[in-house]
C-alpha atoms as a PDB file:
ATOM      1  CA  MET A   1      14.220  12.845  16.492  1.00  0.00           C
ATOM      2  CA  ALA A   2      15.326  14.776  13.357  1.00  0.00           C
ATOM      3  CA  VAL A   3      14.184  14.014  10.021  1.00  0.00           C
ATOM      4  CA  SER A   4      17.634  13.126   8.752  1.00  0.00           C
ATOM      5  CA  GLU A   5      17.822  10.438  11.500  1.00  0.00           C
ATOM      6  CA  LEU A   6      14.563   8.936  10.038  1.00  0.00           C
ATOM      7  CA  PHE A   7      16.193   8.802   6.679  1.00  0.00           C
ATOM      8  CA  VAL A   8      19.242   7.079   8.165  1.00  0.00           C
ATOM      9  CA  TYR A   9      17.032   4.465   9.960  1.00  0.00           C
ATOM     10  CA  GLY A  10      14.939   3.903   6.782  1.00  0.00           C
ATOM     11  CA  ALA A  11      18.099   3.356   4.740  1.00  0.00           C
ATOM     12  CA  ALA A  12      19.556   1.011   7.303  1.00  0.00           C
ATOM     13  CA  LEU A  13      16.291  -1.015   7.251  1.00  0.00           C
ATOM     14  CA  ALA A  14      16.380  -1.197   3.428  1.00  0.00           C
ATOM     15  CA  VAL A  15      20.105  -2.289   3.437  1.00  0.00           C
ATOM     16  CA  LEU A  16      19.170  -4.882   6.088  1.00  0.00           C
ATOM     17  CA  PHE A  17      16.300  -6.311   4.053  1.00  0.00           C
ATOM     18  CA  ILE A  18      18.457  -6.517   0.996  1.00  0.00           C
ATOM     19  CA  ALA A  19      21.277  -8.330   2.949  1.00  0.00           C
ATOM     20  CA  LEU A  20      18.575 -10.724   4.353  1.00  0.00           C
ATOM     21  CA  CYS A  21      17.271 -11.354   0.786  1.00  0.00           C
ATOM     22  CA  ALA A  22      20.853 -12.200  -0.219  1.00  0.00           C
ATOM     23  CA  LEU A  23      21.703 -14.341   2.784  1.00  0.00           C
ATOM     24  CA  PHE A  24      18.355 -16.151   3.188  1.00  0.00           C
ATOM     25  CA  PRO A  25      16.630 -16.238  -0.294  1.00  0.00           C
ATOM     26  CA  LYS A  26      14.395 -19.209   0.615  1.00  0.00           C
ATOM     27  CA  TRP A  27      12.854 -17.267   3.482  1.00  0.00           C
ATOM     28  CA  ILE A  28      11.827 -14.458   1.312  1.00  0.00           C
ATOM     29  CA  ALA A  29      10.855 -16.329  -1.868  1.00  0.00           C
ATOM     30  CA  PRO A  30      10.403 -20.090  -1.128  1.00  0.00           C
ATOM     31  CA  TYR A  31       9.401 -20.933  -4.779  1.00  0.00           C
ATOM     32  CA  SER A  32      11.333 -20.502  -7.889  1.00  0.00           C
ATOM     33  CA  ALA A  33      10.437 -17.443  -9.966  1.00  0.00           C
ATOM     34  CA  THR A  34       9.761 -19.528 -13.042  1.00  0.00           C
ATOM     35  CA  GLU A  35       7.669 -22.177 -10.970  1.00  0.00           C
ATOM     36  CA  MET A  36       3.993 -21.883 -11.950  1.00  0.00           C
ATOM     37  CA  PHE A  37       1.127 -23.927 -10.475  1.00  0.00           C
ATOM     38  CA  THR A  38      -0.976 -24.190 -13.571  1.00  0.00           C
ATOM     39  CA  ASP A  39      -3.327 -26.610 -12.092  1.00  0.00           C
ATOM     40  CA  SER A  40      -4.410 -24.258  -9.254  1.00  0.00           C
ATOM     41  CA  LEU A  41      -4.058 -21.094 -11.343  1.00  0.00           C
ATOM     42  CA  LEU A  42      -7.546 -21.218 -12.875  1.00  0.00           C
ATOM     43  CA  GLN A  43      -9.351 -22.726  -9.863  1.00  0.00           C
ATOM     44  CA  PRO A  44     -11.989 -20.345  -8.312  1.00  0.00           C
ATOM     45  CA  LEU A  45     -11.250 -19.237  -4.764  1.00  0.00           C
ATOM     46  CA  ALA A  46     -13.029 -21.311  -2.263  1.00  0.00           C
END
């Protein structure tokens, strides 16, 4: 497999990921970008 083919596959995967983010945004980021859970933000990790 040539190096140029690896770049083509990498670019195709990047485009596919961007398309999936556009088509199914709730799968990638289920919460709003401005939503903050302040009650659990300062809690120590259990």
